[in-house]
Amino acid sequence: MDMHIEMSYCCYETFKVLAKNYLDVESHELFATIGRLLRETNMTPADVAENLMPKSDEENGESCLNKLIKSLEDAKEEARLKALEDVRIKAKEEEAGKKIEENGEKVQESDAKLGDGEGKETEL
C-alpha cells in the first residue's frame, strides 16, 4: 500500500543543526547565503544533509557548504522553470478550451439545420 507522507522543508535553524552534526561548524560566512536560499527554495532536510556530508577526505566544511549553495541554486532555478512551464501549459489549456467553445457553438449552429432526407436543409 502506497502512502503519501507530507514532509516539511529545511529551515535555517534545522540547517544549523545539520551543519554542526555533519561538519562540526557552528558559524561560517556562507551561512547567510544558505539562509537566504533556504527561504527562497524548498529542500528537504535529507537533501541538505546529503550535500553537507563529505564524500572524500579532501572535502572540508567550506567545500560542503559551497556544494549545498550550488544545490540550492539549482533547485531554485528548477522551481522557476517548472513554474514557467506550468503557466505555459495553463495558457495552452485555456486557449484549447476557447477553441472548443468556438467549435462547439459552430456545431450547435449546424445542428440547428437538419436535412430532410432529400439533400435539402430545413431550418428548425
N, C-alpha and C. Protein backbone atom coordinates (compact mmCIF):
# COMPACT_ATOMS: atom_id res chain seq x y z
N MET A 1 0.84 -1.17 0.00
CA MET A 1 0.00 0.00 0.00
C MET A 1 0.89 1.24 0.00
N ASP A 2 0.70 2.11 -0.98
CA ASP A 2 1.45 3.35 -1.06
C ASP A 2 0.80 4.41 -0.19
N MET A 3 1.62 5.12 0.52
CA MET A 3 1.11 6.21 1.36
C MET A 3 1.89 7.47 1.04
N HIS A 4 1.18 8.57 0.98
CA HIS A 4 1.82 9.86 0.76
C HIS A 4 2.08 10.49 2.12
N ILE A 5 3.34 10.73 2.42
CA ILE A 5 3.70 11.33 3.69
C ILE A 5 4.18 12.75 3.42
N GLU A 6 3.52 13.70 4.05
CA GLU A 6 3.88 15.10 3.88
C GLU A 6 5.08 15.41 4.77
N MET A 7 6.16 15.88 4.16
CA MET A 7 7.37 16.21 4.92
C MET A 7 7.62 17.70 4.82
N SER A 8 8.20 18.24 5.87
CA SER A 8 8.49 19.67 5.86
C SER A 8 9.81 19.93 5.15
N TYR A 9 10.00 21.17 4.79
CA TYR A 9 11.24 21.57 4.15
C TYR A 9 12.21 22.09 5.21
N CYS A 10 13.46 22.11 4.84
CA CYS A 10 14.50 22.51 5.76
C CYS A 10 14.48 24.02 5.97
N CYS A 11 14.53 24.43 7.22
CA CYS A 11 14.63 25.85 7.55
C CYS A 11 16.07 26.13 8.01
N TYR A 12 16.34 27.39 8.24
CA TYR A 12 17.69 27.80 8.62
C TYR A 12 18.13 27.16 9.93
N GLU A 13 17.24 27.10 10.91
CA GLU A 13 17.60 26.51 12.20
C GLU A 13 17.95 25.02 12.06
N THR A 14 17.20 24.31 11.25
CA THR A 14 17.49 22.89 11.00
C THR A 14 18.83 22.74 10.30
N PHE A 15 19.08 23.62 9.33
CA PHE A 15 20.36 23.60 8.63
C PHE A 15 21.52 23.76 9.61
N LYS A 16 21.40 24.69 10.56
CA LYS A 16 22.48 24.93 11.52
C LYS A 16 22.75 23.68 12.35
N VAL A 17 21.70 22.96 12.73
CA VAL A 17 21.88 21.70 13.48
C VAL A 17 22.60 20.68 12.61
N LEU A 18 22.19 20.58 11.34
CA LEU A 18 22.83 19.62 10.43
C LEU A 18 24.29 19.99 10.19
N ALA A 19 24.58 21.27 10.03
CA ALA A 19 25.97 21.71 9.81
C ALA A 19 26.83 21.37 11.03
N LYS A 20 26.28 21.55 12.20
CA LYS A 20 27.02 21.20 13.43
C LYS A 20 27.26 19.69 13.50
N ASN A 21 26.23 18.90 13.18
CA ASN A 21 26.35 17.44 13.28
C ASN A 21 27.28 16.87 12.22
N TYR A 22 27.18 17.33 10.98
CA TYR A 22 27.95 16.73 9.89
C TYR A 22 29.33 17.35 9.70
N LEU A 23 29.43 18.66 9.95
CA LEU A 23 30.69 19.36 9.66
C LEU A 23 31.38 19.90 10.91
N ASP A 24 30.71 19.83 12.04
CA ASP A 24 31.20 20.42 13.28
C ASP A 24 31.50 21.91 13.09
N VAL A 25 30.59 22.57 12.37
CA VAL A 25 30.71 24.00 12.09
C VAL A 25 29.48 24.69 12.68
N GLU A 26 29.73 25.66 13.56
CA GLU A 26 28.62 26.39 14.18
C GLU A 26 28.34 27.72 13.50
N SER A 27 29.33 28.25 12.82
CA SER A 27 29.17 29.54 12.15
C SER A 27 30.16 29.61 10.99
N HIS A 28 29.73 30.26 9.93
CA HIS A 28 30.58 30.42 8.75
C HIS A 28 30.02 31.57 7.94
N GLU A 29 30.88 32.22 7.19
CA GLU A 29 30.43 33.37 6.37
C GLU A 29 29.41 32.96 5.31
N LEU A 30 29.37 31.70 4.91
CA LEU A 30 28.41 31.23 3.90
C LEU A 30 27.03 30.95 4.48
N PHE A 31 26.90 30.95 5.81
CA PHE A 31 25.60 30.67 6.44
C PHE A 31 24.53 31.68 6.00
N ALA A 32 24.89 32.95 5.85
CA ALA A 32 23.91 33.97 5.45
C ALA A 32 23.35 33.66 4.06
N THR A 33 24.21 33.29 3.14
CA THR A 33 23.77 32.94 1.78
C THR A 33 22.88 31.71 1.81
N ILE A 34 23.27 30.72 2.59
CA ILE A 34 22.47 29.50 2.71
C ILE A 34 21.11 29.80 3.33
N GLY A 35 21.08 30.64 4.36
CA GLY A 35 19.82 31.01 4.99
C GLY A 35 18.87 31.68 4.00
N ARG A 36 19.41 32.60 3.19
CA ARG A 36 18.59 33.27 2.17
C ARG A 36 18.05 32.27 1.16
N LEU A 37 18.90 31.38 0.68
CA LEU A 37 18.47 30.39 -0.32
C LEU A 37 17.45 29.41 0.26
N LEU A 38 17.59 29.06 1.52
CA LEU A 38 16.61 28.15 2.14
C LEU A 38 15.24 28.81 2.24
N ARG A 39 15.20 30.14 2.42
CA ARG A 39 13.91 30.84 2.45
C ARG A 39 13.29 30.91 1.06
N GLU A 40 14.12 30.90 0.02
CA GLU A 40 13.65 31.05 -1.36
C GLU A 40 13.39 29.71 -2.05
N THR A 41 13.85 28.62 -1.46
CA THR A 41 13.83 27.31 -2.13
C THR A 41 13.29 26.25 -1.18
N ASN A 42 12.60 25.28 -1.72
CA ASN A 42 12.12 24.15 -0.93
C ASN A 42 13.09 22.98 -1.08
N MET A 43 13.73 22.62 0.03
CA MET A 43 14.64 21.48 0.04
C MET A 43 14.44 20.73 1.35
N THR A 44 14.36 19.43 1.28
CA THR A 44 14.14 18.64 2.49
C THR A 44 15.42 18.58 3.33
N PRO A 45 15.28 18.34 4.63
CA PRO A 45 16.46 18.18 5.47
C PRO A 45 17.38 17.04 4.99
N ALA A 46 16.80 15.99 4.44
CA ALA A 46 17.61 14.88 3.93
C ALA A 46 18.49 15.33 2.77
N ASP A 47 17.94 16.16 1.88
CA ASP A 47 18.73 16.67 0.76
C ASP A 47 19.82 17.63 1.24
N VAL A 48 19.50 18.43 2.23
CA VAL A 48 20.51 19.33 2.80
C VAL A 48 21.63 18.49 3.42
N ALA A 49 21.26 17.49 4.20
CA ALA A 49 22.25 16.64 4.86
C ALA A 49 23.13 15.93 3.84
N GLU A 50 22.53 15.47 2.74
CA GLU A 50 23.31 14.79 1.70
C GLU A 50 24.41 15.70 1.16
N ASN A 51 24.08 16.98 1.00
CA ASN A 51 25.07 17.93 0.49
C ASN A 51 26.12 18.29 1.54
N LEU A 52 25.79 18.15 2.80
CA LEU A 52 26.73 18.50 3.86
C LEU A 52 27.69 17.37 4.19
N MET A 53 27.37 16.15 3.80
CA MET A 53 28.24 15.02 4.11
C MET A 53 29.47 15.04 3.21
N PRO A 54 30.66 15.07 3.81
CA PRO A 54 31.87 15.00 2.99
C PRO A 54 31.94 13.64 2.28
N LYS A 55 32.24 13.67 1.00
CA LYS A 55 32.30 12.44 0.21
C LYS A 55 33.72 11.87 0.14
N SER A 56 34.69 12.70 0.50
CA SER A 56 36.08 12.23 0.49
C SER A 56 36.86 12.95 1.59
N ASP A 57 38.09 12.51 1.80
CA ASP A 57 38.93 13.14 2.83
C ASP A 57 39.35 14.55 2.42
N GLU A 58 39.34 14.83 1.12
CA GLU A 58 39.75 16.14 0.64
C GLU A 58 38.68 17.21 0.87
N GLU A 59 37.43 16.79 1.02
CA GLU A 59 36.36 17.77 1.23
C GLU A 59 36.39 18.29 2.66
N ASN A 60 36.27 19.60 2.77
CA ASN A 60 36.21 20.21 4.10
C ASN A 60 34.85 20.89 4.27
N GLY A 61 34.67 21.54 5.40
CA GLY A 61 33.39 22.19 5.68
C GLY A 61 33.00 23.21 4.63
N GLU A 62 33.95 24.02 4.22
CA GLU A 62 33.64 25.07 3.24
C GLU A 62 33.24 24.49 1.89
N SER A 63 33.92 23.45 1.45
CA SER A 63 33.56 22.85 0.16
C SER A 63 32.16 22.22 0.22
N CYS A 64 31.81 21.64 1.37
CA CYS A 64 30.46 21.07 1.52
C CYS A 64 29.40 22.18 1.55
N LEU A 65 29.71 23.30 2.20
CA LEU A 65 28.77 24.43 2.22
C LEU A 65 28.59 24.99 0.81
N ASN A 66 29.69 25.09 0.07
CA ASN A 66 29.59 25.55 -1.33
C ASN A 66 28.78 24.59 -2.18
N LYS A 67 28.95 23.29 -1.92
CA LYS A 67 28.16 22.28 -2.64
C LYS A 67 26.68 22.45 -2.33
N LEU A 68 26.34 22.74 -1.08
CA LEU A 68 24.94 22.97 -0.70
C LEU A 68 24.41 24.22 -1.38
N ILE A 69 25.19 25.28 -1.43
CA ILE A 69 24.76 26.52 -2.11
C ILE A 69 24.47 26.23 -3.56
N LYS A 70 25.34 25.49 -4.23
CA LYS A 70 25.12 25.15 -5.64
C LYS A 70 23.84 24.35 -5.80
N SER A 71 23.62 23.39 -4.91
CA SER A 71 22.42 22.57 -4.98
C SER A 71 21.16 23.40 -4.75
N LEU A 72 21.20 24.33 -3.81
CA LEU A 72 20.06 25.21 -3.55
C LEU A 72 19.78 26.12 -4.75
N GLU A 73 20.84 26.65 -5.35
CA GLU A 73 20.66 27.50 -6.54
C GLU A 73 20.06 26.70 -7.69
N ASP A 74 20.53 25.46 -7.86
CA ASP A 74 19.98 24.60 -8.92
C ASP A 74 18.50 24.30 -8.66
N ALA A 75 18.15 24.02 -7.40
CA ALA A 75 16.76 23.73 -7.05
C ALA A 75 15.88 24.96 -7.27
N LYS A 76 16.41 26.12 -6.96
CA LYS A 76 15.67 27.37 -7.16
C LYS A 76 15.40 27.60 -8.65
N GLU A 77 16.41 27.39 -9.48
CA GLU A 77 16.24 27.56 -10.93
C GLU A 77 15.28 26.53 -11.49
N GLU A 78 15.37 25.30 -11.02
CA GLU A 78 14.46 24.24 -11.47
C GLU A 78 13.01 24.59 -11.12
N ALA A 79 12.80 25.11 -9.92
CA ALA A 79 11.45 25.50 -9.50
C ALA A 79 10.94 26.66 -10.36
N ARG A 80 11.82 27.60 -10.70
CA ARG A 80 11.43 28.73 -11.55
C ARG A 80 11.02 28.24 -12.94
N LEU A 81 11.80 27.34 -13.50
CA LEU A 81 11.48 26.80 -14.83
C LEU A 81 10.20 25.99 -14.81
N LYS A 82 9.97 25.24 -13.74
CA LYS A 82 8.73 24.46 -13.62
C LYS A 82 7.53 25.39 -13.53
N ALA A 83 7.66 26.48 -12.79
CA ALA A 83 6.56 27.44 -12.68
C ALA A 83 6.25 28.07 -14.03
N LEU A 84 7.29 28.40 -14.80
CA LEU A 84 7.08 28.95 -16.15
C LEU A 84 6.38 27.93 -17.05
N GLU A 85 6.80 26.69 -16.97
CA GLU A 85 6.18 25.64 -17.78
C GLU A 85 4.72 25.44 -17.39
N ASP A 86 4.44 25.50 -16.09
CA ASP A 86 3.05 25.37 -15.63
C ASP A 86 2.18 26.49 -16.18
N VAL A 87 2.73 27.71 -16.23
CA VAL A 87 1.99 28.85 -16.79
C VAL A 87 1.73 28.63 -18.27
N ARG A 88 2.74 28.14 -19.00
CA ARG A 88 2.57 27.87 -20.43
C ARG A 88 1.50 26.81 -20.67
N ILE A 89 1.55 25.75 -19.88
CA ILE A 89 0.58 24.66 -20.03
C ILE A 89 -0.83 25.18 -19.75
N LYS A 90 -0.97 25.97 -18.70
CA LYS A 90 -2.29 26.50 -18.36
C LYS A 90 -2.80 27.41 -19.47
N ALA A 91 -1.93 28.23 -20.04
CA ALA A 91 -2.34 29.11 -21.14
C ALA A 91 -2.77 28.30 -22.36
N LYS A 92 -2.05 27.23 -22.66
CA LYS A 92 -2.43 26.37 -23.78
C LYS A 92 -3.77 25.70 -23.53
N GLU A 93 -3.99 25.24 -22.30
CA GLU A 93 -5.26 24.60 -21.96
C GLU A 93 -6.41 25.58 -22.09
N GLU A 94 -6.20 26.82 -21.63
CA GLU A 94 -7.25 27.84 -21.75
C GLU A 94 -7.53 28.15 -23.22
N GLU A 95 -6.47 28.25 -24.01
CA GLU A 95 -6.64 28.52 -25.45
C GLU A 95 -7.38 27.37 -26.12
N ALA A 96 -7.03 26.14 -25.76
CA ALA A 96 -7.72 24.98 -26.32
C ALA A 96 -9.19 24.99 -25.90
N GLY A 97 -9.46 25.38 -24.67
CA GLY A 97 -10.84 25.47 -24.19
C GLY A 97 -11.64 26.49 -24.96
N LYS A 98 -11.02 27.62 -25.30
CA LYS A 98 -11.71 28.65 -26.09
C LYS A 98 -12.03 28.13 -27.48
N LYS A 99 -11.08 27.41 -28.08
CA LYS A 99 -11.31 26.86 -29.42
C LYS A 99 -12.44 25.85 -29.39
N ILE A 100 -12.48 25.04 -28.34
CA ILE A 100 -13.55 24.05 -28.22
C ILE A 100 -14.89 24.76 -28.09
N GLU A 101 -14.93 25.83 -27.30
CA GLU A 101 -16.17 26.59 -27.16
C GLU A 101 -16.60 27.16 -28.50
N GLU A 102 -15.64 27.74 -29.23
CA GLU A 102 -15.97 28.30 -30.55
C GLU A 102 -16.47 27.20 -31.47
N ASN A 103 -15.77 26.10 -31.49
CA ASN A 103 -16.20 24.98 -32.33
C ASN A 103 -17.53 24.43 -31.85
N GLY A 104 -17.73 24.41 -30.56
CA GLY A 104 -19.00 23.93 -30.01
C GLY A 104 -20.15 24.79 -30.46
N GLU A 105 -19.96 26.11 -30.51
CA GLU A 105 -21.02 27.00 -30.98
C GLU A 105 -21.31 26.74 -32.45
N LYS A 106 -20.27 26.53 -33.23
CA LYS A 106 -20.47 26.26 -34.65
C LYS A 106 -21.21 24.94 -34.84
N VAL A 107 -20.86 23.96 -34.03
CA VAL A 107 -21.54 22.67 -34.13
C VAL A 107 -23.00 22.84 -33.76
N GLN A 108 -23.27 23.62 -32.73
CA GLN A 108 -24.65 23.83 -32.33
C GLN A 108 -25.43 24.53 -33.43
N GLU A 109 -24.79 25.49 -34.10
CA GLU A 109 -25.47 26.18 -35.19
C GLU A 109 -25.77 25.22 -36.33
N SER A 110 -24.81 24.36 -36.67
CA SER A 110 -25.04 23.44 -37.77
C SER A 110 -26.04 22.35 -37.37
N ASP A 111 -26.14 22.04 -36.09
CA ASP A 111 -27.13 21.08 -35.63
C ASP A 111 -28.54 21.64 -35.77
N ALA A 112 -28.67 22.96 -35.80
CA ALA A 112 -29.99 23.58 -35.91
C ALA A 112 -30.57 23.36 -37.31
N LYS A 113 -29.70 23.06 -38.27
CA LYS A 113 -30.17 22.79 -39.63
C LYS A 113 -30.15 21.28 -39.83
N LEU A 114 -31.27 20.71 -40.09
CA LEU A 114 -31.35 19.26 -40.30
C LEU A 114 -31.72 18.99 -41.75
N GLY A 115 -31.15 17.94 -42.26
CA GLY A 115 -31.51 17.55 -43.63
C GLY A 115 -32.88 16.89 -43.65
N ASP A 116 -33.60 17.07 -44.77
CA ASP A 116 -34.92 16.46 -44.87
C ASP A 116 -34.87 15.13 -45.61
N GLY A 117 -33.65 14.62 -45.79
CA GLY A 117 -33.52 13.32 -46.43
C GLY A 117 -33.35 13.44 -47.93
N GLU A 118 -33.64 14.59 -48.53
CA GLU A 118 -33.51 14.77 -49.97
C GLU A 118 -32.35 15.69 -50.31
N GLY A 119 -31.44 15.87 -49.35
CA GLY A 119 -30.29 16.71 -49.61
C GLY A 119 -30.58 18.18 -49.37
N LYS A 120 -31.78 18.50 -48.91
CA LYS A 120 -32.12 19.89 -48.62
C LYS A 120 -32.06 20.10 -47.12
N GLU A 121 -31.60 21.26 -46.74
CA GLU A 121 -31.58 21.59 -45.33
C GLU A 121 -32.83 22.38 -44.98
N THR A 122 -33.34 22.12 -43.83
CA THR A 122 -34.50 22.88 -43.36
C THR A 122 -34.15 23.49 -42.02
N GLU A 123 -34.61 24.69 -41.78
CA GLU A 123 -34.38 25.38 -40.51
C GLU A 123 -35.34 24.84 -39.47
N LEU A 124 -34.87 24.74 -38.25
CA LEU A 124 -35.75 24.35 -37.14
C LEU A 124 -36.40 25.55 -36.53
